[in-house]
Every structure is written in C-alpha cells, then in structure tokens.
Amino acid sequence: MEAIITREKISQEKNRGFRELTVNAICRMEGEGNERKFILSFSSEQPYERWFGIEILDHSDGCADLTRLNEIGCVLFNHNRDKVMGKINRAWVENGRGKAEIEFDEDEESEKIYQKVKSGTLKGVSVGYAVDVWEEVAVNKISSDGRFKGPASIAKKWSAFEISIVSIPADHTVGVGRQEAGSIGRTLAHCERQLIVNKNILF
C-alpha cells in the first residue's frame, strides 16, 4: 500500500528534529562528589541543513523553552528512551547556546557509556527538540530582528525534550560543535521522500 504524505504530516515532521554535536570541550565538574558530572553545550544558532532547507534555532530571550529539561530531563543513549544514562541537573541559555549540566547514573549500562565519554571514545551529543513557531525568511531577506539572512526557517519558539550521547556525531561547531548534516551525504530513501514531499507541496 502506497504511503500518502499529507501537508499535516510534513508539518509534524518539520516541527520535530535532532541536532548532533561533537563533544570537543566537555567540562568535568570539579570538587568532591562531582566526578560523574559534566557541563556541555547542546544547541546553538549555527545554520543547520534539514530536508526542508536551512534551519536556525533562535536563542534570544523567550525563544528556547528548557522547562522539560529542567523538570524531568534525562540523558539518553542514541535517542533510545529505554536507555537512560543519567539526569540533567540544570539547563540554561548562555551566549547564544543551550548548555546543560548532566550527571551519569551508576548502573552497569550507564557506567559503560560514562567511561567511554570520560575516555573520549564517545564524543557525540544530540538534542531532541520540537518547534512551535517559525519565522520564514526569503532569499536575501533579513529576519524581523535583523539578525539572520534568508533563505532560512527560524525557530522562534522551540522546546528541548532530551539530550543524548550518540555514537555517530554529525556536528562540530559549539563547545560541543556541529557540522551540517548535508556533509554526511543523503540516502536514496531520503531523496525519494523529498520527491514525495515536493510533489505534495506543489500539486
């Protein structure tokens, strides 16, 4: 049976995403009892290529909602909800970046990931987020606040809902870095999906 991609489905897919970062400068917390705690950046305003074009997560006051991270935030492994590695002690925005203090659990599975992060074997971090409000900026136009140049879709209201340690990072530009997803290459399935999306939008 052929799948039908509707405008509503496209919108839902556009409004949820992941951004992968490379842990270049993850900071260990110092002091007694802090050996399992780290501070890292998990998001920035770096333009990021998604299937619909360039996306920018605005970090201006009131744009990023980190309530969920601060109230019930978990650290996952590879976005697997059944692989909880630790907790997010606090999350905040600083100098245009999302930052968090995380703490690894002490169970056997979490210990494995903790040791690999500690040794530098695992360097990838990814944030899962949902966008509620977009500002679309056309080619060669400037965003309403004068900060970004189009073409771009700017997330003016977005919420982070989890932070993951990942085995295959795609990014390297925050204190935790990032590179554009387009540099990884696109699969045939991705291209086929994009053709269906374009068809549904245009016709």
N, C-alpha and C. Protein backbone atom coordinates (compact mmCIF):
# COMPACT_ATOMS: atom_id res chain seq x y z
N MET A 1 0.84 -1.20 0.00
CA MET A 1 0.00 0.00 0.00
C MET A 1 0.88 1.24 0.00
N GLU A 2 0.63 2.16 -0.91
CA GLU A 2 1.46 3.35 -1.04
C GLU A 2 1.16 4.35 0.07
N ALA A 3 2.21 4.84 0.71
CA ALA A 3 2.03 5.81 1.79
C ALA A 3 1.71 7.18 1.21
N ILE A 4 0.80 7.88 1.86
CA ILE A 4 0.43 9.22 1.42
C ILE A 4 0.95 10.22 2.44
N ILE A 5 1.78 11.15 1.99
CA ILE A 5 2.33 12.17 2.88
C ILE A 5 1.51 13.44 2.72
N THR A 6 0.79 13.82 3.74
CA THR A 6 -0.07 15.00 3.70
C THR A 6 0.69 16.22 4.18
N ARG A 7 0.10 17.41 3.94
CA ARG A 7 0.72 18.64 4.44
C ARG A 7 0.84 18.60 5.96
N GLU A 8 -0.17 18.02 6.63
CA GLU A 8 -0.13 17.94 8.09
C GLU A 8 1.04 17.09 8.56
N LYS A 9 1.27 15.98 7.84
CA LYS A 9 2.37 15.08 8.18
C LYS A 9 3.71 15.78 7.95
N ILE A 10 3.81 16.52 6.86
CA ILE A 10 5.02 17.28 6.56
C ILE A 10 5.30 18.28 7.67
N SER A 11 4.23 18.98 8.10
CA SER A 11 4.37 19.98 9.16
C SER A 11 4.85 19.34 10.46
N GLN A 12 4.27 18.18 10.81
CA GLN A 12 4.68 17.49 12.03
C GLN A 12 6.15 17.09 11.96
N GLU A 13 6.57 16.60 10.79
CA GLU A 13 7.96 16.17 10.61
C GLU A 13 8.90 17.36 10.70
N LYS A 14 8.49 18.49 10.14
CA LYS A 14 9.32 19.69 10.17
C LYS A 14 9.47 20.20 11.60
N ASN A 15 8.43 20.05 12.41
CA ASN A 15 8.43 20.65 13.73
C ASN A 15 9.15 19.84 14.80
N ARG A 16 9.67 18.68 14.45
CA ARG A 16 10.43 17.90 15.41
C ARG A 16 11.77 17.52 14.78
N GLY A 17 12.83 17.56 15.55
CA GLY A 17 14.12 17.25 14.96
C GLY A 17 15.18 16.91 15.99
N PHE A 18 16.36 16.58 15.48
CA PHE A 18 17.53 16.30 16.31
C PHE A 18 18.71 17.07 15.74
N ARG A 19 19.57 17.52 16.61
CA ARG A 19 20.81 18.16 16.18
C ARG A 19 21.95 17.47 16.87
N GLU A 20 22.90 17.02 16.08
CA GLU A 20 24.01 16.26 16.63
C GLU A 20 25.26 17.14 16.76
N LEU A 21 25.95 16.98 17.86
CA LEU A 21 27.13 17.79 18.16
C LEU A 21 28.29 16.88 18.52
N THR A 22 29.49 17.40 18.39
CA THR A 22 30.67 16.64 18.80
C THR A 22 31.24 17.26 20.07
N VAL A 23 31.49 16.43 21.07
CA VAL A 23 31.99 16.95 22.34
C VAL A 23 33.47 17.26 22.22
N ASN A 24 33.78 18.50 21.85
CA ASN A 24 35.18 18.92 21.75
C ASN A 24 35.70 19.42 23.08
N ALA A 25 34.83 20.03 23.86
CA ALA A 25 35.28 20.66 25.11
C ALA A 25 34.25 20.44 26.20
N ILE A 26 33.97 19.20 26.50
CA ILE A 26 33.04 18.88 27.58
C ILE A 26 33.78 19.09 28.89
N CYS A 27 33.19 19.79 29.81
CA CYS A 27 33.88 20.19 31.04
C CYS A 27 33.47 19.30 32.21
N ARG A 28 34.44 18.71 32.88
CA ARG A 28 34.17 17.94 34.09
C ARG A 28 33.93 18.90 35.24
N MET A 29 32.96 18.59 36.07
CA MET A 29 32.75 19.37 37.27
C MET A 29 33.83 19.02 38.28
N GLU A 30 34.37 20.01 38.95
CA GLU A 30 35.43 19.77 39.92
C GLU A 30 34.86 19.76 41.34
N GLY A 31 35.57 19.09 42.22
CA GLY A 31 35.13 19.06 43.61
C GLY A 31 34.66 17.68 44.02
N GLU A 32 34.60 17.45 45.32
CA GLU A 32 34.23 16.15 45.86
C GLU A 32 32.81 15.76 45.44
N GLY A 33 32.68 14.54 44.96
CA GLY A 33 31.36 14.04 44.58
C GLY A 33 30.88 14.48 43.21
N ASN A 34 31.73 15.19 42.45
CA ASN A 34 31.32 15.70 41.14
C ASN A 34 31.94 14.93 39.97
N GLU A 35 32.54 13.77 40.24
CA GLU A 35 33.29 13.08 39.19
C GLU A 35 32.40 12.57 38.05
N ARG A 36 31.12 12.42 38.28
CA ARG A 36 30.22 11.93 37.23
C ARG A 36 29.44 13.06 36.56
N LYS A 37 29.77 14.28 36.87
CA LYS A 37 29.06 15.44 36.33
C LYS A 37 29.87 16.11 35.22
N PHE A 38 29.17 16.56 34.18
CA PHE A 38 29.79 17.25 33.06
C PHE A 38 28.93 18.45 32.67
N ILE A 39 29.57 19.47 32.11
CA ILE A 39 28.86 20.60 31.52
C ILE A 39 29.13 20.57 30.02
N LEU A 40 28.07 20.68 29.22
CA LEU A 40 28.24 20.67 27.77
C LEU A 40 27.25 21.63 27.12
N SER A 41 27.54 21.99 25.88
CA SER A 41 26.62 22.77 25.06
C SER A 41 25.83 21.79 24.20
N PHE A 42 24.54 22.02 24.04
CA PHE A 42 23.74 21.09 23.25
C PHE A 42 23.03 21.75 22.08
N SER A 43 23.12 23.08 21.93
CA SER A 43 22.48 23.75 20.79
C SER A 43 23.14 25.09 20.56
N SER A 44 22.95 25.63 19.34
CA SER A 44 23.48 26.94 19.02
C SER A 44 22.63 27.56 17.92
N GLU A 45 23.03 28.74 17.46
CA GLU A 45 22.32 29.41 16.37
C GLU A 45 22.97 29.16 15.02
N GLN A 46 23.89 28.21 14.98
CA GLN A 46 24.53 27.86 13.72
C GLN A 46 23.48 27.38 12.71
N PRO A 47 23.45 27.93 11.50
CA PRO A 47 22.51 27.44 10.48
C PRO A 47 22.72 25.95 10.27
N TYR A 48 21.61 25.22 10.16
CA TYR A 48 21.66 23.76 10.09
C TYR A 48 20.77 23.29 8.94
N GLU A 49 21.30 22.45 8.07
CA GLU A 49 20.54 22.00 6.91
C GLU A 49 19.66 20.81 7.25
N ARG A 50 18.34 21.00 7.11
CA ARG A 50 17.40 19.90 7.25
C ARG A 50 16.74 19.67 5.89
N TRP A 51 15.85 18.68 5.79
CA TRP A 51 15.31 18.30 4.49
C TRP A 51 14.52 19.43 3.84
N PHE A 52 13.99 20.35 4.62
CA PHE A 52 13.18 21.45 4.06
C PHE A 52 13.99 22.70 3.81
N GLY A 53 15.28 22.70 4.15
CA GLY A 53 16.11 23.88 3.94
C GLY A 53 16.93 24.21 5.18
N ILE A 54 17.38 25.45 5.26
CA ILE A 54 18.22 25.88 6.38
C ILE A 54 17.35 26.22 7.59
N GLU A 55 17.71 25.67 8.73
CA GLU A 55 17.01 25.92 9.99
C GLU A 55 17.95 26.62 10.96
N ILE A 56 17.41 27.57 11.72
CA ILE A 56 18.18 28.25 12.77
C ILE A 56 17.35 28.21 14.05
N LEU A 57 17.95 27.75 15.13
CA LEU A 57 17.29 27.78 16.42
C LEU A 57 17.63 29.09 17.11
N ASP A 58 16.65 29.97 17.21
CA ASP A 58 16.87 31.27 17.84
C ASP A 58 17.05 31.07 19.35
N HIS A 59 18.12 31.66 19.90
CA HIS A 59 18.40 31.56 21.33
C HIS A 59 18.17 32.89 22.05
N SER A 60 17.44 33.81 21.41
CA SER A 60 17.12 35.08 22.07
C SER A 60 16.21 34.81 23.26
N ASP A 61 16.07 35.81 24.14
CA ASP A 61 15.23 35.66 25.32
C ASP A 61 13.82 35.22 24.95
N GLY A 62 13.34 34.16 25.60
CA GLY A 62 11.99 33.70 25.39
C GLY A 62 11.80 32.73 24.25
N CYS A 63 12.84 32.46 23.46
CA CYS A 63 12.70 31.56 22.31
C CYS A 63 12.84 30.08 22.70
N ALA A 64 13.82 29.78 23.51
CA ALA A 64 14.08 28.39 23.89
C ALA A 64 13.39 28.06 25.20
N ASP A 65 12.53 27.05 25.18
CA ASP A 65 11.85 26.58 26.38
C ASP A 65 12.58 25.35 26.90
N LEU A 66 13.27 25.50 28.02
CA LEU A 66 14.04 24.40 28.60
C LEU A 66 13.37 23.83 29.84
N THR A 67 12.08 24.13 29.99
CA THR A 67 11.34 23.68 31.16
C THR A 67 11.39 22.17 31.34
N ARG A 68 11.18 21.46 30.25
CA ARG A 68 11.14 19.99 30.33
C ARG A 68 12.50 19.43 30.73
N LEU A 69 13.58 20.00 30.18
CA LEU A 69 14.91 19.53 30.55
C LEU A 69 15.17 19.76 32.05
N ASN A 70 14.73 20.91 32.54
CA ASN A 70 14.99 21.25 33.94
C ASN A 70 14.08 20.51 34.92
N GLU A 71 12.91 20.11 34.49
CA GLU A 71 11.97 19.45 35.40
C GLU A 71 12.11 17.93 35.38
N ILE A 72 12.22 17.33 34.19
CA ILE A 72 12.28 15.87 34.11
C ILE A 72 13.33 15.40 33.10
N GLY A 73 14.31 16.23 32.83
CA GLY A 73 15.28 15.92 31.79
C GLY A 73 16.13 14.69 32.06
N CYS A 74 16.29 13.85 31.02
CA CYS A 74 17.12 12.65 31.10
C CYS A 74 18.20 12.70 30.03
N VAL A 75 19.29 12.00 30.30
CA VAL A 75 20.33 11.79 29.31
C VAL A 75 20.14 10.39 28.75
N LEU A 76 19.93 10.29 27.44
CA LEU A 76 19.71 9.01 26.79
C LEU A 76 20.95 8.58 26.00
N PHE A 77 20.92 7.36 25.51
CA PHE A 77 21.96 6.89 24.58
C PHE A 77 21.32 6.66 23.23
N ASN A 78 21.81 7.36 22.21
CA ASN A 78 21.31 7.25 20.84
C ASN A 78 19.80 7.44 20.73
N HIS A 79 19.26 8.36 21.52
CA HIS A 79 17.82 8.71 21.49
C HIS A 79 16.91 7.55 21.84
N ASN A 80 17.45 6.53 22.48
CA ASN A 80 16.66 5.37 22.88
C ASN A 80 16.04 5.65 24.24
N ARG A 81 14.72 5.74 24.30
CA ARG A 81 14.02 6.06 25.55
C ARG A 81 14.19 4.99 26.60
N ASP A 82 14.59 3.79 26.18
CA ASP A 82 14.80 2.71 27.14
C ASP A 82 16.23 2.64 27.63
N LYS A 83 17.08 3.54 27.15
CA LYS A 83 18.48 3.57 27.59
C LYS A 83 18.78 4.91 28.26
N VAL A 84 18.33 5.03 29.50
CA VAL A 84 18.54 6.26 30.28
C VAL A 84 19.88 6.16 30.99
N MET A 85 20.78 7.09 30.64
CA MET A 85 22.15 7.05 31.15
C MET A 85 22.36 7.95 32.37
N GLY A 86 21.46 8.89 32.57
CA GLY A 86 21.65 9.82 33.67
C GLY A 86 20.59 10.90 33.67
N LYS A 87 20.87 11.96 34.40
CA LYS A 87 19.91 13.05 34.53
C LYS A 87 20.51 14.38 34.12
N ILE A 88 19.63 15.32 33.85
CA ILE A 88 20.04 16.69 33.56
C ILE A 88 19.78 17.51 34.82
N ASN A 89 20.84 17.95 35.46
CA ASN A 89 20.69 18.71 36.70
C ASN A 89 20.14 20.11 36.45
N ARG A 90 20.59 20.73 35.37
CA ARG A 90 20.08 22.06 35.01
C ARG A 90 20.45 22.35 33.56
N ALA A 91 19.61 23.17 32.95
CA ALA A 91 19.85 23.58 31.56
C ALA A 91 19.57 25.07 31.46
N TRP A 92 20.34 25.76 30.62
CA TRP A 92 20.20 27.20 30.51
C TRP A 92 20.72 27.67 29.16
N VAL A 93 20.46 28.94 28.82
CA VAL A 93 20.98 29.55 27.59
C VAL A 93 22.05 30.56 27.98
N GLU A 94 23.19 30.48 27.29
CA GLU A 94 24.31 31.37 27.60
C GLU A 94 25.06 31.71 26.31
N ASN A 95 25.16 33.00 26.00
CA ASN A 95 25.89 33.45 24.81
C ASN A 95 25.42 32.75 23.53
N GLY A 96 24.11 32.65 23.38
CA GLY A 96 23.56 32.08 22.16
C GLY A 96 23.67 30.58 22.05
N ARG A 97 23.87 29.91 23.17
CA ARG A 97 23.99 28.45 23.16
C ARG A 97 23.17 27.84 24.29
N GLY A 98 22.63 26.64 24.04
CA GLY A 98 21.99 25.89 25.10
C GLY A 98 23.05 25.10 25.83
N LYS A 99 23.07 25.20 27.16
CA LYS A 99 24.08 24.49 27.94
C LYS A 99 23.38 23.67 29.02
N ALA A 100 24.04 22.62 29.46
CA ALA A 100 23.45 21.76 30.48
C ALA A 100 24.52 21.13 31.35
N GLU A 101 24.16 20.90 32.59
CA GLU A 101 24.98 20.10 33.49
C GLU A 101 24.31 18.74 33.57
N ILE A 102 25.04 17.69 33.19
CA ILE A 102 24.49 16.34 33.22
C ILE A 102 25.24 15.51 34.25
N GLU A 103 24.58 14.44 34.70
CA GLU A 103 25.20 13.55 35.68
C GLU A 103 24.87 12.11 35.32
N PHE A 104 25.89 11.28 35.14
CA PHE A 104 25.68 9.89 34.78
C PHE A 104 25.25 9.05 35.99
N ASP A 105 24.36 8.07 35.73
CA ASP A 105 23.96 7.11 36.75
C ASP A 105 25.09 6.11 36.99
N GLU A 106 24.88 5.21 37.97
CA GLU A 106 25.93 4.26 38.35
C GLU A 106 25.59 2.81 38.04
N ASP A 107 24.48 2.55 37.35
CA ASP A 107 24.17 1.18 36.97
C ASP A 107 25.16 0.71 35.90
N GLU A 108 25.16 -0.58 35.63
CA GLU A 108 26.15 -1.18 34.74
C GLU A 108 26.13 -0.58 33.34
N GLU A 109 24.94 -0.41 32.76
CA GLU A 109 24.84 0.11 31.39
C GLU A 109 25.30 1.56 31.32
N SER A 110 24.88 2.37 32.31
CA SER A 110 25.29 3.78 32.33
C SER A 110 26.79 3.92 32.54
N GLU A 111 27.34 3.03 33.37
CA GLU A 111 28.78 3.06 33.65
C GLU A 111 29.61 2.87 32.38
N LYS A 112 29.14 2.01 31.50
CA LYS A 112 29.86 1.77 30.23
C LYS A 112 29.92 3.04 29.40
N ILE A 113 28.79 3.73 29.30
CA ILE A 113 28.75 4.96 28.50
C ILE A 113 29.56 6.06 29.17
N TYR A 114 29.42 6.15 30.49
CA TYR A 114 30.19 7.15 31.25
C TYR A 114 31.69 6.98 31.01
N GLN A 115 32.19 5.76 31.08
CA GLN A 115 33.61 5.51 30.90
C GLN A 115 34.06 5.85 29.48
N LYS A 116 33.19 5.59 28.49
CA LYS A 116 33.54 5.91 27.10
C LYS A 116 33.55 7.42 26.85
N VAL A 117 32.65 8.14 27.52
CA VAL A 117 32.67 9.61 27.41
C VAL A 117 33.89 10.16 28.13
N LYS A 118 34.16 9.63 29.30
CA LYS A 118 35.31 10.06 30.11
C LYS A 118 36.62 9.86 29.37
N SER A 119 36.73 8.73 28.65
CA SER A 119 37.98 8.42 27.95
C SER A 119 38.08 9.12 26.60
N GLY A 120 36.96 9.66 26.11
CA GLY A 120 36.97 10.34 24.82
C GLY A 120 36.58 9.44 23.66
N THR A 121 36.21 8.18 23.95
CA THR A 121 35.78 7.27 22.88
C THR A 121 34.46 7.74 22.28
N LEU A 122 33.51 8.10 23.13
CA LEU A 122 32.24 8.66 22.68
C LEU A 122 32.31 10.17 22.80
N LYS A 123 32.13 10.87 21.67
CA LYS A 123 32.24 12.32 21.67
C LYS A 123 30.98 13.00 21.13
N GLY A 124 29.96 12.22 20.85
CA GLY A 124 28.77 12.78 20.22
C GLY A 124 27.67 13.14 21.20
N VAL A 125 27.03 14.27 20.97
CA VAL A 125 25.87 14.70 21.74
C VAL A 125 24.79 15.14 20.77
N SER A 126 23.56 14.79 21.06
CA SER A 126 22.45 15.18 20.19
C SER A 126 21.29 15.66 21.05
N VAL A 127 20.62 16.70 20.60
CA VAL A 127 19.46 17.21 21.33
C VAL A 127 18.19 16.96 20.52
N GLY A 128 17.16 16.49 21.20
CA GLY A 128 15.85 16.33 20.57
C GLY A 128 15.01 17.54 20.92
N TYR A 129 14.28 18.09 19.94
CA TYR A 129 13.52 19.31 20.19
C TYR A 129 12.28 19.37 19.31
N ALA A 130 11.35 20.25 19.69
CA ALA A 130 10.13 20.48 18.93
C ALA A 130 9.96 21.97 18.74
N VAL A 131 9.51 22.37 17.53
CA VAL A 131 9.33 23.79 17.21
C VAL A 131 7.84 24.13 17.16
N ASP A 132 7.47 25.20 17.83
CA ASP A 132 6.07 25.64 17.85
C ASP A 132 5.80 26.82 16.93
N VAL A 133 6.79 27.71 16.79
CA VAL A 133 6.61 28.92 15.97
C VAL A 133 7.81 29.13 15.07
N TRP A 134 7.53 29.32 13.77
CA TRP A 134 8.58 29.57 12.78
C TRP A 134 8.49 30.99 12.23
N GLU A 135 9.62 31.55 11.85
CA GLU A 135 9.66 32.75 11.01
C GLU A 135 10.37 32.35 9.72
N GLU A 136 9.66 32.46 8.61
CA GLU A 136 10.24 32.10 7.32
C GLU A 136 10.87 33.35 6.69
N VAL A 137 12.14 33.26 6.36
CA VAL A 137 12.87 34.38 5.77
C VAL A 137 13.26 34.02 4.34
N ALA A 138 12.81 34.80 3.38
CA ALA A 138 13.04 34.52 1.97
C ALA A 138 14.50 34.82 1.58
N VAL A 139 14.85 34.39 0.38
CA VAL A 139 16.21 34.59 -0.14
C VAL A 139 16.57 36.08 -0.11
N ASN A 140 17.76 36.37 0.45
CA ASN A 140 18.31 37.72 0.53
C ASN A 140 17.50 38.68 1.39
N LYS A 141 16.53 38.17 2.15
CA LYS A 141 15.78 38.99 3.09
C LYS A 141 16.38 38.84 4.48
N ILE A 142 16.03 39.77 5.37
CA ILE A 142 16.55 39.76 6.73
C ILE A 142 15.42 39.46 7.71
N SER A 143 15.72 38.71 8.74
CA SER A 143 14.71 38.37 9.74
C SER A 143 14.19 39.61 10.44
N SER A 144 13.05 39.50 11.10
CA SER A 144 12.39 40.65 11.72
C SER A 144 13.25 41.33 12.78
N ASP A 145 14.14 40.57 13.42
CA ASP A 145 15.02 41.18 14.43
C ASP A 145 16.35 41.64 13.83
N GLY A 146 16.52 41.48 12.50
CA GLY A 146 17.72 41.95 11.84
C GLY A 146 18.96 41.09 12.06
N ARG A 147 18.79 39.89 12.60
CA ARG A 147 19.95 39.06 12.97
C ARG A 147 20.32 38.00 11.95
N PHE A 148 19.36 37.55 11.15
CA PHE A 148 19.61 36.43 10.25
C PHE A 148 19.22 36.77 8.81
N LYS A 149 19.98 36.21 7.86
CA LYS A 149 19.70 36.43 6.45
C LYS A 149 19.14 35.15 5.83
N GLY A 150 18.12 35.33 4.97
CA GLY A 150 17.49 34.18 4.32
C GLY A 150 18.28 33.68 3.13
N PRO A 151 17.93 32.51 2.60
CA PRO A 151 16.74 31.76 3.00
C PRO A 151 16.97 30.97 4.28
N ALA A 152 15.98 30.99 5.16
CA ALA A 152 16.08 30.24 6.41
C ALA A 152 14.72 30.14 7.07
N SER A 153 14.55 29.06 7.80
CA SER A 153 13.40 28.91 8.69
C SER A 153 13.94 29.08 10.10
N ILE A 154 13.44 30.09 10.79
CA ILE A 154 13.96 30.41 12.12
C ILE A 154 12.97 29.94 13.17
N ALA A 155 13.43 29.09 14.07
CA ALA A 155 12.59 28.60 15.16
C ALA A 155 12.53 29.67 16.24
N LYS A 156 11.38 30.36 16.32
CA LYS A 156 11.22 31.45 17.28
C LYS A 156 10.71 30.96 18.63
N LYS A 157 10.02 29.83 18.62
CA LYS A 157 9.57 29.20 19.86
C LYS A 157 9.85 27.70 19.72
N TRP A 158 10.77 27.19 20.52
CA TRP A 158 11.11 25.78 20.43
C TRP A 158 11.42 25.22 21.81
N SER A 159 11.21 23.91 21.95
CA SER A 159 11.40 23.25 23.24
C SER A 159 12.34 22.06 23.09
N ALA A 160 13.32 21.99 23.98
CA ALA A 160 14.22 20.82 24.01
C ALA A 160 13.59 19.78 24.93
N PHE A 161 13.58 18.50 24.49
CA PHE A 161 12.95 17.49 25.33
C PHE A 161 13.87 16.36 25.76
N GLU A 162 15.07 16.27 25.20
CA GLU A 162 16.04 15.28 25.69
C GLU A 162 17.41 15.58 25.13
N ILE A 163 18.43 15.10 25.84
CA ILE A 163 19.81 15.16 25.37
C ILE A 163 20.35 13.74 25.32
N SER A 164 20.98 13.39 24.22
CA SER A 164 21.52 12.03 24.06
C SER A 164 23.03 12.04 23.84
N ILE A 165 23.67 11.03 24.38
CA ILE A 165 25.04 10.70 23.97
C ILE A 165 24.87 9.81 22.75
N VAL A 166 25.56 10.13 21.65
CA VAL A 166 25.38 9.36 20.41
C VAL A 166 26.71 8.83 19.91
N SER A 167 26.62 7.71 19.19
CA SER A 167 27.83 7.04 18.71
C SER A 167 28.32 7.58 17.38
N ILE A 168 27.42 8.22 16.58
CA ILE A 168 27.83 8.76 15.28
C ILE A 168 27.47 10.23 15.22
N PRO A 169 28.35 11.12 15.66
CA PRO A 169 28.07 12.55 15.62
C PRO A 169 28.13 13.11 14.21
N ALA A 170 27.43 14.24 14.01
CA ALA A 170 27.43 14.85 12.69
C ALA A 170 27.87 16.30 12.74
N ASP A 171 28.29 16.77 13.88
CA ASP A 171 28.41 18.19 14.08
C ASP A 171 29.63 18.61 14.89
N HIS A 172 30.16 19.80 14.65
CA HIS A 172 31.33 20.20 15.43
C HIS A 172 31.51 21.71 15.57
N THR A 173 30.49 22.42 15.93
CA THR A 173 30.66 23.87 15.99
C THR A 173 30.21 24.58 17.26
N VAL A 174 29.85 23.86 18.30
CA VAL A 174 29.51 24.55 19.55
C VAL A 174 30.62 24.17 20.53
N GLY A 175 30.69 24.45 21.75
CA GLY A 175 31.74 23.98 22.64
C GLY A 175 31.59 22.51 22.68
N VAL A 176 30.71 22.12 21.94
CA VAL A 176 30.28 20.77 21.68
C VAL A 176 30.03 20.62 20.21
N GLY A 177 30.33 21.51 19.41
CA GLY A 177 30.38 21.53 17.99
C GLY A 177 29.28 20.97 17.12
N ARG A 178 29.37 21.27 15.84
CA ARG A 178 28.37 20.76 14.92
C ARG A 178 28.77 21.03 13.48
N GLN A 179 28.52 20.09 12.58
CA GLN A 179 28.72 20.34 11.17
C GLN A 179 27.43 20.02 10.45
N GLU A 180 27.23 20.62 9.28
CA GLU A 180 25.96 20.49 8.60
C GLU A 180 25.69 19.05 8.20
N ALA A 181 24.42 18.66 8.38
CA ALA A 181 24.03 17.29 8.06
C ALA A 181 24.27 16.97 6.60
N GLY A 182 24.23 17.98 5.74
CA GLY A 182 24.42 17.76 4.31
C GLY A 182 25.78 17.19 3.98
N SER A 183 26.75 17.38 4.86
CA SER A 183 28.08 16.87 4.59
C SER A 183 28.18 15.37 4.78
N ILE A 184 27.16 14.76 5.39
CA ILE A 184 27.19 13.34 5.63
C ILE A 184 26.78 12.57 4.40
N GLY A 185 26.02 13.20 3.52
CA GLY A 185 25.51 12.52 2.35
C GLY A 185 24.06 12.12 2.56
N ARG A 186 23.33 11.90 1.47
CA ARG A 186 21.92 11.58 1.58
C ARG A 186 21.66 10.20 0.98
N THR A 187 20.82 9.45 1.65
CA THR A 187 20.49 8.13 1.16
C THR A 187 19.44 8.23 0.07
N LEU A 188 19.29 7.14 -0.68
CA LEU A 188 18.27 7.09 -1.73
C LEU A 188 16.89 7.26 -1.12
N ALA A 189 16.67 6.64 0.04
CA ALA A 189 15.36 6.75 0.71
C ALA A 189 15.05 8.21 1.06
N HIS A 190 16.08 8.94 1.50
CA HIS A 190 15.88 10.35 1.83
C HIS A 190 15.47 11.12 0.58
N CYS A 191 16.15 10.89 -0.52
CA CYS A 191 15.84 11.61 -1.76
C CYS A 191 14.43 11.26 -2.26
N GLU A 192 14.06 9.99 -2.13
CA GLU A 192 12.73 9.59 -2.56
C GLU A 192 11.66 10.28 -1.71
N ARG A 193 11.91 10.36 -0.41
CA ARG A 193 10.96 11.03 0.48
C ARG A 193 10.84 12.51 0.12
N GLN A 194 12.00 13.14 -0.20
CA GLN A 194 11.96 14.55 -0.55
C GLN A 194 11.15 14.79 -1.82
N LEU A 195 11.24 13.86 -2.80
CA LEU A 195 10.46 13.99 -4.02
C LEU A 195 8.97 13.92 -3.72
N ILE A 196 8.58 13.02 -2.82
CA ILE A 196 7.17 12.90 -2.45
C ILE A 196 6.69 14.16 -1.74
N VAL A 197 7.55 14.67 -0.85
CA VAL A 197 7.21 15.90 -0.13
C VAL A 197 7.01 17.05 -1.11
N ASN A 198 7.94 17.20 -2.04
CA ASN A 198 7.84 18.28 -3.03
C ASN A 198 6.58 18.15 -3.86
N LYS A 199 6.27 16.92 -4.23
CA LYS A 199 5.08 16.67 -5.05
C LYS A 199 3.82 17.10 -4.31
N ASN A 200 3.73 16.76 -3.03
CA ASN A 200 2.56 17.09 -2.24
C ASN A 200 2.42 18.59 -1.99
N ILE A 201 3.56 19.27 -1.90
CA ILE A 201 3.54 20.72 -1.69
C ILE A 201 3.12 21.46 -2.95
N LEU A 202 3.65 21.01 -4.08
CA LEU A 202 3.45 21.74 -5.33
C LEU A 202 2.13 21.41 -6.02
N PHE A 203 1.61 20.23 -5.81
CA PHE A 203 0.43 19.83 -6.57
C PHE A 203 -0.73 19.58 -5.64
